[in-house]
């Protein structure tokens, strides 16, 4: 087997392994989709009329709920990665001469596929609640690209957080900031309607340009500035997560 194909084969094996774990605990995907859907229902039907967003509230809120779907699917990844590091399975992989990168890549790809399922569920419920998009096929493709980039970046960061934690229990808690960030962004209300301090944080944190980019693409009014900022944040987060996870893996494995 060539030096290029061996890591790819190892990564596919690790991906199948992660899928089997997910199949045995399907509640992981269920929870990742259920919580954003519940939040979408609450904000649309309970709080929607209280917010002045200048458009139909479901159209405004859905991009933020997509970010929540991404965030809520990360906790199980951190726990799974940490379990691999703390329960000795990595030592078995070393004996079998499994590519180190394949272990990490398997977790990242499995996380992205889980996010894809939960995101599709949230978008489907959004259409059922009255969401209507004026986006062209190209703009929908752009929105899918932004979602994929966000999932890729947050997956690598979560892998790094999971390996840096001491126990599986603490690993699950490391993703709490990623779950909370969408609430302190433009996901629920425009950032300019927030109070001093919170408004500035919401405007400059990474999830706001991602949400605004999705909002523009899905409503047929894309913003090149927000999209460029979103992709730049995703690239930076992915790079930090990748380098951090590889360094931690090399040190602890």
C-alpha atoms as a PDB file:
ATOM      1  CA  UNK A   1       0.000   0.000   0.000  1.00  0.00           C
ATOM      2  CA  UNK A   2       1.371   3.438  -0.918  1.00  0.00           C
ATOM      3  CA  UNK A   3       2.298   6.048   1.663  1.00  0.00           C
ATOM      4  CA  UNK A   4      -0.682   8.136   0.487  1.00  0.00           C
ATOM      5  CA  UNK A   5      -3.341   5.426   0.445  1.00  0.00           C
ATOM      6  CA  UNK A   6      -2.415   3.953   3.848  1.00  0.00           C
ATOM      7  CA  UNK A   7      -3.525   7.007   5.890  1.00  0.00           C
ATOM      8  CA  UNK A   8      -6.725   7.253   3.814  1.00  0.00           C
ATOM      9  CA  UNK A   9      -7.496   3.580   4.452  1.00  0.00           C
ATOM     10  CA  UNK A  10      -6.811   4.053   8.174  1.00  0.00           C
ATOM     11  CA  UNK A  11      -9.052   7.131   8.237  1.00  0.00           C
ATOM     12  CA  UNK A  12     -11.923   5.214   6.611  1.00  0.00           C
ATOM     13  CA  UNK A  13     -11.554   2.471   9.240  1.00  0.00           C
ATOM     14  CA  UNK A  14     -11.654   5.062  12.040  1.00  0.00           C
ATOM     15  CA  UNK A  15     -14.711   6.643  10.425  1.00  0.00           C
ATOM     16  CA  UNK A  16     -16.536   3.304  10.347  1.00  0.00           C
ATOM     17  CA  UNK A  17     -15.589   2.787  13.979  1.00  0.00           C
ATOM     18  CA  UNK A  18     -17.073   6.155  14.961  1.00  0.00           C
ATOM     19  CA  UNK A  19     -20.239   5.413  12.963  1.00  0.00           C
ATOM     20  CA  UNK A  20     -20.705   2.152  14.834  1.00  0.00           C
ATOM     21  CA  UNK A  21     -20.418   4.019  18.120  1.00  0.00           C
ATOM     22  CA  UNK A  22     -22.998   6.553  16.950  1.00  0.00           C
ATOM     23  CA  UNK A  23     -25.345   3.795  15.755  1.00  0.00           C
ATOM     24  CA  UNK A  24     -25.232   2.256  19.214  1.00  0.00           C
ATOM     25  CA  UNK A  25     -26.107   5.609  20.793  1.00  0.00           C
ATOM     26  CA  UNK A  26     -28.419   7.342  18.279  1.00  0.00           C
ATOM     27  CA  UNK A  27     -29.511   9.687  21.065  1.00  0.00           C
ATOM     28  CA  UNK A  28     -26.372  11.690  20.164  1.00  0.00           C
ATOM     29  CA  UNK A  29     -27.833  12.754  16.821  1.00  0.00           C
ATOM     30  CA  UNK A  30     -31.322  13.066  18.322  1.00  0.00           C
ATOM     31  CA  UNK A  31     -30.117  15.507  20.999  1.00  0.00           C
ATOM     32  CA  UNK A  32     -28.054  17.491  18.484  1.00  0.00           C
ATOM     33  CA  UNK A  33     -31.181  18.084  16.385  1.00  0.00           C
ATOM     34  CA  UNK A  34     -33.787  18.228  19.165  1.00  0.00           C
ATOM     35  CA  UNK A  35     -32.385  21.126  21.182  1.00  0.00           C
ATOM     36  CA  UNK A  36     -32.031  23.566  18.237  1.00  0.00           C
ATOM     37  CA  UNK A  37     -35.516  22.584  17.051  1.00  0.00           C
ATOM     38  CA  UNK A  38     -36.940  23.234  20.527  1.00  0.00           C
ATOM     39  CA  UNK A  39     -35.150  26.597  20.666  1.00  0.00           C
ATOM     40  CA  UNK A  40     -36.498  27.452  17.213  1.00  0.00           C
ATOM     41  CA  UNK A  41     -40.056  26.671  18.334  1.00  0.00           C
ATOM     42  CA  UNK A  42     -39.649  28.705  21.529  1.00  0.00           C
ATOM     43  CA  UNK A  43     -38.186  31.774  19.853  1.00  0.00           C
ATOM     44  CA  UNK A  44     -40.641  31.748  16.936  1.00  0.00           C
ATOM     45  CA  UNK A  45     -43.855  31.048  18.858  1.00  0.00           C
ATOM     46  CA  UNK A  46     -43.085  32.512  22.296  1.00  0.00           C
ATOM     47  CA  UNK A  47     -40.680  35.409  21.749  1.00  0.00           C
ATOM     48  CA  UNK A  48     -40.893  36.084  18.018  1.00  0.00           C
ATOM     49  CA  UNK A  49     -43.396  38.947  18.184  1.00  0.00           C
ATOM     50  CA  UNK A  50     -41.322  40.699  20.861  1.00  0.00           C
ATOM     51  CA  UNK A  51     -38.349  41.225  18.540  1.00  0.00           C
ATOM     52  CA  UNK A  52     -38.213  43.952  15.909  1.00  0.00           C
ATOM     53  CA  UNK A  53     -35.982  42.444  13.240  1.00  0.00           C
ATOM     54  CA  UNK A  54     -37.543  44.086  10.176  1.00  0.00           C
ATOM     55  CA  UNK A  55     -38.624  40.817   8.557  1.00  0.00           C
ATOM     56  CA  UNK A  56     -40.510  37.599   9.219  1.00  0.00           C
ATOM     57  CA  UNK A  57     -38.945  36.264  12.397  1.00  0.00           C
ATOM     58  CA  UNK A  58     -38.552  32.655  11.231  1.00  0.00           C
ATOM     59  CA  UNK A  59     -36.491  33.925   8.283  1.00  0.00           C
ATOM     60  CA  UNK A  60     -34.297  35.878  10.700  1.00  0.00           C
ATOM     61  CA  UNK A  61     -33.912  33.153  13.332  1.00  0.00           C
ATOM     62  CA  UNK A  62     -33.204  30.079  11.214  1.00  0.00           C
ATOM     63  CA  UNK A  63     -29.516  30.859  10.451  1.00  0.00           C
ATOM     64  CA  UNK A  64     -28.841  31.226  14.179  1.00  0.00           C
ATOM     65  CA  UNK A  65     -30.555  27.912  14.893  1.00  0.00           C
ATOM     66  CA  UNK A  66     -28.324  26.299  12.277  1.00  0.00           C
ATOM     67  CA  UNK A  67     -25.339  27.464  14.326  1.00  0.00           C
ATOM     68  CA  UNK A  68     -26.967  25.987  17.421  1.00  0.00           C
ATOM     69  CA  UNK A  69     -27.361  22.676  15.572  1.00  0.00           C
ATOM     70  CA  UNK A  70     -23.628  22.749  14.890  1.00  0.00           C
ATOM     71  CA  UNK A  71     -22.750  23.638  18.487  1.00  0.00           C
ATOM     72  CA  UNK A  72     -25.028  21.116  20.204  1.00  0.00           C
ATOM     73  CA  UNK A  73     -23.468  18.252  18.244  1.00  0.00           C
ATOM     74  CA  UNK A  74     -19.957  18.886  19.587  1.00  0.00           C
ATOM     75  CA  UNK A  75     -20.136  17.671  23.180  1.00  0.00           C
ATOM     76  CA  UNK A  76     -20.286  13.983  22.273  1.00  0.00           C
ATOM     77  CA  UNK A  77     -17.215  14.405  20.046  1.00  0.00           C
ATOM     78  CA  UNK A  78     -15.166  15.878  22.893  1.00  0.00           C
ATOM     79  CA  UNK A  79     -16.190  13.029  25.195  1.00  0.00           C
ATOM     80  CA  UNK A  80     -15.437  10.384  22.556  1.00  0.00           C
ATOM     81  CA  UNK A  81     -12.010  11.820  21.781  1.00  0.00           C
ATOM     82  CA  UNK A  82     -11.101  12.039  25.456  1.00  0.00           C
ATOM     83  CA  UNK A  83     -12.263   8.467  26.060  1.00  0.00           C
ATOM     84  CA  UNK A  84      -9.908   7.301  23.331  1.00  0.00           C
ATOM     85  CA  UNK A  85      -7.049   9.149  25.006  1.00  0.00           C
ATOM     86  CA  UNK A  86      -7.746   8.015  28.568  1.00  0.00           C
ATOM     87  CA  UNK A  87      -8.958   4.410  28.190  1.00  0.00           C
ATOM     88  CA  UNK A  88      -5.967   2.929  26.376  1.00  0.00           C
ATOM     89  CA  UNK A  89      -7.412   2.456  22.896  1.00  0.00           C
ATOM     90  CA  UNK A  90      -4.711   4.699  21.414  1.00  0.00           C
ATOM     91  CA  UNK A  91      -2.011   2.334  22.665  1.00  0.00           C
ATOM     92  CA  UNK A  92      -3.729  -0.497  20.789  1.00  0.00           C
ATOM     93  CA  UNK A  93      -3.787   1.599  17.623  1.00  0.00           C
ATOM     94  CA  UNK A  94      -0.049   2.257  18.044  1.00  0.00           C
ATOM     95  CA  UNK A  95       0.612  -1.479  18.232  1.00  0.00           C
ATOM     96  CA  UNK A  96      -1.396  -1.953  15.031  1.00  0.00           C
ATOM     97  CA  UNK A  97       0.580   0.847  13.349  1.00  0.00           C
ATOM     98  CA  UNK A  98      -2.514   2.932  12.635  1.00  0.00           C
ATOM     99  CA  UNK A  99      -1.793   6.389  11.256  1.00  0.00           C
ATOM    100  CA  UNK A 100      -2.034   8.959  14.040  1.00  0.00           C
ATOM    101  CA  UNK A 101      -3.741  11.449  11.785  1.00  0.00           C
ATOM    102  CA  UNK A 102      -6.399   8.872  10.890  1.00  0.00           C
ATOM    103  CA  UNK A 103      -7.676   8.736  14.482  1.00  0.00           C
ATOM    104  CA  UNK A 104      -8.240  12.478  14.521  1.00  0.00           C
ATOM    105  CA  UNK A 105      -9.613  12.651  10.982  1.00  0.00           C
ATOM    106  CA  UNK A 106     -12.144   9.916  11.749  1.00  0.00           C
ATOM    107  CA  UNK A 107     -13.566  11.958  14.621  1.00  0.00           C
ATOM    108  CA  UNK A 108     -13.692  15.142  12.519  1.00  0.00           C
ATOM    109  CA  UNK A 109     -15.506  13.538   9.573  1.00  0.00           C
ATOM    110  CA  UNK A 110     -17.961  11.705  11.841  1.00  0.00           C
ATOM    111  CA  UNK A 111     -18.725  14.995  13.612  1.00  0.00           C
ATOM    112  CA  UNK A 112     -19.317  16.766  10.305  1.00  0.00           C
ATOM    113  CA  UNK A 113     -21.753  14.079   9.160  1.00  0.00           C
ATOM    114  CA  UNK A 114     -23.625  14.235  12.468  1.00  0.00           C
ATOM    115  CA  UNK A 115     -23.851  18.018  12.076  1.00  0.00           C
ATOM    116  CA  UNK A 116     -25.131  17.589   8.508  1.00  0.00           C
ATOM    117  CA  UNK A 117     -28.013  15.416   9.745  1.00  0.00           C
ATOM    118  CA  UNK A 118     -28.980  17.763  12.587  1.00  0.00           C
ATOM    119  CA  UNK A 119     -28.687  20.847  10.336  1.00  0.00           C
ATOM    120  CA  UNK A 120     -30.914  19.254   7.693  1.00  0.00           C
ATOM    121  CA  UNK A 121     -33.493  18.490  10.404  1.00  0.00           C
ATOM    122  CA  UNK A 122     -33.468  22.096  11.641  1.00  0.00           C
ATOM    123  CA  UNK A 123     -33.848  23.488   8.111  1.00  0.00           C
ATOM    124  CA  UNK A 124     -36.699  21.073   7.423  1.00  0.00           C
ATOM    125  CA  UNK A 125     -38.546  22.195  10.564  1.00  0.00           C
ATOM    126  CA  UNK A 126     -37.858  25.800   9.585  1.00  0.00           C
ATOM    127  CA  UNK A 127     -39.651  25.285   6.267  1.00  0.00           C
ATOM    128  CA  UNK A 128     -42.532  23.641   8.132  1.00  0.00           C
ATOM    129  CA  UNK A 129     -42.785  26.736  10.364  1.00  0.00           C
ATOM    130  CA  UNK A 130     -42.981  29.087   7.387  1.00  0.00           C
ATOM    131  CA  UNK A 131     -39.390  29.792   6.420  1.00  0.00           C
ATOM    132  CA  UNK A 132     -39.159  30.857   2.788  1.00  0.00           C
ATOM    133  CA  UNK A 133     -35.937  31.442   0.904  1.00  0.00           C
ATOM    134  CA  UNK A 134     -35.352  33.693  -2.087  1.00  0.00           C
ATOM    135  CA  UNK A 135     -31.884  32.217  -2.574  1.00  0.00           C
ATOM    136  CA  UNK A 136     -30.761  30.960  -5.963  1.00  0.00           C
ATOM    137  CA  UNK A 137     -29.222  27.472  -6.317  1.00  0.00           C
ATOM    138  CA  UNK A 138     -25.766  29.084  -6.293  1.00  0.00           C
ATOM    139  CA  UNK A 139     -26.577  30.949  -3.063  1.00  0.00           C
ATOM    140  CA  UNK A 140     -27.849  27.731  -1.472  1.00  0.00           C
ATOM    141  CA  UNK A 141     -24.584  26.097  -2.490  1.00  0.00           C
ATOM    142  CA  UNK A 142     -22.715  28.963  -0.869  1.00  0.00           C
ATOM    143  CA  UNK A 143     -24.720  28.554   2.335  1.00  0.00           C
ATOM    144  CA  UNK A 144     -23.929  24.833   2.395  1.00  0.00           C
ATOM    145  CA  UNK A 145     -20.264  25.701   1.928  1.00  0.00           C
ATOM    146  CA  UNK A 146     -20.311  28.093   4.902  1.00  0.00           C
ATOM    147  CA  UNK A 147     -22.059  25.465   7.048  1.00  0.00           C
ATOM    148  CA  UNK A 148     -19.494  22.828   6.025  1.00  0.00           C
ATOM    149  CA  UNK A 149     -16.595  25.191   6.762  1.00  0.00           C
ATOM    150  CA  UNK A 150     -18.047  26.003  10.179  1.00  0.00           C
ATOM    151  CA  UNK A 151     -18.583  22.324  10.968  1.00  0.00           C
ATOM    152  CA  UNK A 152     -15.025  21.510   9.880  1.00  0.00           C
ATOM    153  CA  UNK A 153     -13.515  24.289  11.995  1.00  0.00           C
ATOM    154  CA  UNK A 154     -15.527  23.582  15.137  1.00  0.00           C
ATOM    155  CA  UNK A 155     -14.924  19.832  14.774  1.00  0.00           C
ATOM    156  CA  UNK A 156     -11.159  20.299  14.823  1.00  0.00           C
ATOM    157  CA  UNK A 157     -11.385  22.701  17.762  1.00  0.00           C
ATOM    158  CA  UNK A 158     -13.577  20.216  19.643  1.00  0.00           C
ATOM    159  CA  UNK A 159     -11.122  17.375  18.985  1.00  0.00           C
ATOM    160  CA  UNK A 160      -8.370  19.550  20.471  1.00  0.00           C
ATOM    161  CA  UNK A 161     -10.502  20.455  23.492  1.00  0.00           C
ATOM    162  CA  UNK A 162     -11.415  16.813  24.061  1.00  0.00           C
ATOM    163  CA  UNK A 163      -7.793  15.699  24.042  1.00  0.00           C
ATOM    164  CA  UNK A 164      -6.688  18.536  26.301  1.00  0.00           C
ATOM    165  CA  UNK A 165      -9.271  17.643  28.985  1.00  0.00           C
ATOM    166  CA  UNK A 166      -8.302  15.317  31.827  1.00  0.00           C
ATOM    167  CA  UNK A 167     -11.479  13.220  31.967  1.00  0.00           C
ATOM    168  CA  UNK A 168     -14.448  12.474  29.671  1.00  0.00           C
ATOM    169  CA  UNK A 169     -16.728  14.371  32.055  1.00  0.00           C
ATOM    170  CA  UNK A 170     -14.616  17.538  31.891  1.00  0.00           C
ATOM    171  CA  UNK A 171     -14.260  17.085  28.120  1.00  0.00           C
ATOM    172  CA  UNK A 172     -18.023  17.431  27.723  1.00  0.00           C
ATOM    173  CA  UNK A 173     -17.925  20.725  29.614  1.00  0.00           C
ATOM    174  CA  UNK A 174     -15.247  22.220  27.352  1.00  0.00           C
ATOM    175  CA  UNK A 175     -17.801  22.712  24.564  1.00  0.00           C
ATOM    176  CA  UNK A 176     -20.171  24.812  26.704  1.00  0.00           C
ATOM    177  CA  UNK A 177     -18.656  28.130  25.469  1.00  0.00           C
ATOM    178  CA  UNK A 178     -19.276  27.023  21.870  1.00  0.00           C
ATOM    179  CA  UNK A 179     -22.911  26.296  22.754  1.00  0.00           C
ATOM    180  CA  UNK A 180     -23.352  29.672  24.448  1.00  0.00           C
ATOM    181  CA  UNK A 181     -21.663  31.830  21.775  1.00  0.00           C
ATOM    182  CA  UNK A 182     -24.645  31.796  19.367  1.00  0.00           C
ATOM    183  CA  UNK A 183     -26.832  33.317  22.095  1.00  0.00           C
ATOM    184  CA  UNK A 184     -24.428  36.264  22.413  1.00  0.00           C
ATOM    185  CA  UNK A 185     -24.412  36.965  18.689  1.00  0.00           C
ATOM    186  CA  UNK A 186     -26.929  38.120  16.095  1.00  0.00           C
ATOM    187  CA  UNK A 187     -28.638  34.708  16.150  1.00  0.00           C
ATOM    188  CA  UNK A 188     -31.729  35.801  18.096  1.00  0.00           C
ATOM    189  CA  UNK A 189     -31.768  39.597  17.815  1.00  0.00           C
ATOM    190  CA  UNK A 190     -29.668  42.094  15.824  1.00  0.00           C
ATOM    191  CA  UNK A 191     -26.444  42.970  17.612  1.00  0.00           C
ATOM    192  CA  UNK A 192     -27.178  46.717  17.427  1.00  0.00           C
ATOM    193  CA  UNK A 193     -30.219  46.219  19.676  1.00  0.00           C
ATOM    194  CA  UNK A 194     -28.073  44.895  22.534  1.00  0.00           C
ATOM    195  CA  UNK A 195     -26.685  46.914  25.419  1.00  0.00           C
ATOM    196  CA  UNK A 196     -23.213  48.408  25.623  1.00  0.00           C
ATOM    197  CA  UNK A 197     -20.459  45.862  26.057  1.00  0.00           C
ATOM    198  CA  UNK A 198     -22.578  42.924  24.932  1.00  0.00           C
ATOM    199  CA  UNK A 199     -23.199  44.645  21.591  1.00  0.00           C
ATOM    200  CA  UNK A 200     -19.485  45.076  20.886  1.00  0.00           C
ATOM    201  CA  UNK A 201     -18.774  41.480  21.872  1.00  0.00           C
ATOM    202  CA  UNK A 202     -21.589  40.214  19.644  1.00  0.00           C
ATOM    203  CA  UNK A 203     -20.357  42.247  16.687  1.00  0.00           C
ATOM    204  CA  UNK A 204     -16.782  40.979  16.837  1.00  0.00           C
ATOM    205  CA  UNK A 205     -17.113  37.368  17.953  1.00  0.00           C
ATOM    206  CA  UNK A 206     -16.694  34.685  15.237  1.00  0.00           C
ATOM    207  CA  UNK A 207     -20.257  33.354  15.095  1.00  0.00           C
ATOM    208  CA  UNK A 208     -21.865  36.682  14.141  1.00  0.00           C
ATOM    209  CA  UNK A 209     -20.286  36.970  10.659  1.00  0.00           C
ATOM    210  CA  UNK A 210     -21.029  33.284  10.067  1.00  0.00           C
ATOM    211  CA  UNK A 211     -24.700  33.809  10.960  1.00  0.00           C
ATOM    212  CA  UNK A 212     -24.961  37.025   8.938  1.00  0.00           C
ATOM    213  CA  UNK A 213     -23.328  35.316   5.974  1.00  0.00           C
ATOM    214  CA  UNK A 214     -25.879  32.481   6.142  1.00  0.00           C
ATOM    215  CA  UNK A 215     -28.718  34.957   6.617  1.00  0.00           C
ATOM    216  CA  UNK A 216     -27.729  36.895   3.526  1.00  0.00           C
ATOM    217  CA  UNK A 217     -27.236  33.791   1.394  1.00  0.00           C
ATOM    218  CA  UNK A 218     -30.508  32.141   2.451  1.00  0.00           C
ATOM    219  CA  UNK A 219     -32.572  35.286   1.896  1.00  0.00           C
ATOM    220  CA  UNK A 220     -31.037  36.010  -1.496  1.00  0.00           C
ATOM    221  CA  UNK A 221     -29.055  39.048  -0.299  1.00  0.00           C
ATOM    222  CA  UNK A 222     -25.505  37.750   0.071  1.00  0.00           C
ATOM    223  CA  UNK A 223     -22.863  39.897   1.707  1.00  0.00           C
ATOM    224  CA  UNK A 224     -19.344  39.405   0.392  1.00  0.00           C
ATOM    225  CA  UNK A 225     -17.881  41.069   3.480  1.00  0.00           C
ATOM    226  CA  UNK A 226     -19.649  38.795   5.961  1.00  0.00           C
ATOM    227  CA  UNK A 227     -18.881  35.704   3.886  1.00  0.00           C
ATOM    228  CA  UNK A 228     -15.195  36.577   3.655  1.00  0.00           C
ATOM    229  CA  UNK A 229     -15.071  37.225   7.413  1.00  0.00           C
ATOM    230  CA  UNK A 230     -16.911  33.960   8.108  1.00  0.00           C
ATOM    231  CA  UNK A 231     -14.507  31.911   5.994  1.00  0.00           C
ATOM    232  CA  UNK A 232     -11.509  33.674   7.529  1.00  0.00           C
ATOM    233  CA  UNK A 233     -12.744  32.829  11.040  1.00  0.00           C
ATOM    234  CA  UNK A 234     -13.372  29.227  10.006  1.00  0.00           C
ATOM    235  CA  UNK A 235      -9.885  28.902   8.509  1.00  0.00           C
ATOM    236  CA  UNK A 236      -8.259  30.361  11.624  1.00  0.00           C
ATOM    237  CA  UNK A 237     -10.265  28.188  14.026  1.00  0.00           C
ATOM    238  CA  UNK A 238      -9.599  25.056  11.953  1.00  0.00           C
ATOM    239  CA  UNK A 239      -5.861  25.764  11.861  1.00  0.00           C
ATOM    240  CA  UNK A 240      -5.671  26.347  15.615  1.00  0.00           C
ATOM    241  CA  UNK A 241      -7.715  23.213  16.314  1.00  0.00           C
ATOM    242  CA  UNK A 242      -5.639  21.077  13.949  1.00  0.00           C
ATOM    243  CA  UNK A 243      -2.250  22.201  15.250  1.00  0.00           C
ATOM    244  CA  UNK A 244      -3.387  21.992  18.877  1.00  0.00           C
ATOM    245  CA  UNK A 245      -4.883  18.529  18.467  1.00  0.00           C
ATOM    246  CA  UNK A 246      -1.829  17.146  16.648  1.00  0.00           C
ATOM    247  CA  UNK A 247       0.506  18.559  19.283  1.00  0.00           C
ATOM    248  CA  UNK A 248      -1.584  17.147  22.138  1.00  0.00           C
ATOM    249  CA  UNK A 249      -1.931  13.791  20.407  1.00  0.00           C
ATOM    250  CA  UNK A 250       1.834  13.510  19.923  1.00  0.00           C
ATOM    251  CA  UNK A 251       2.471  14.400  23.558  1.00  0.00           C
ATOM    252  CA  UNK A 252      -0.162  12.161  25.160  1.00  0.00           C
ATOM    253  CA  UNK A 253      -0.348   9.180  22.815  1.00  0.00           C
END
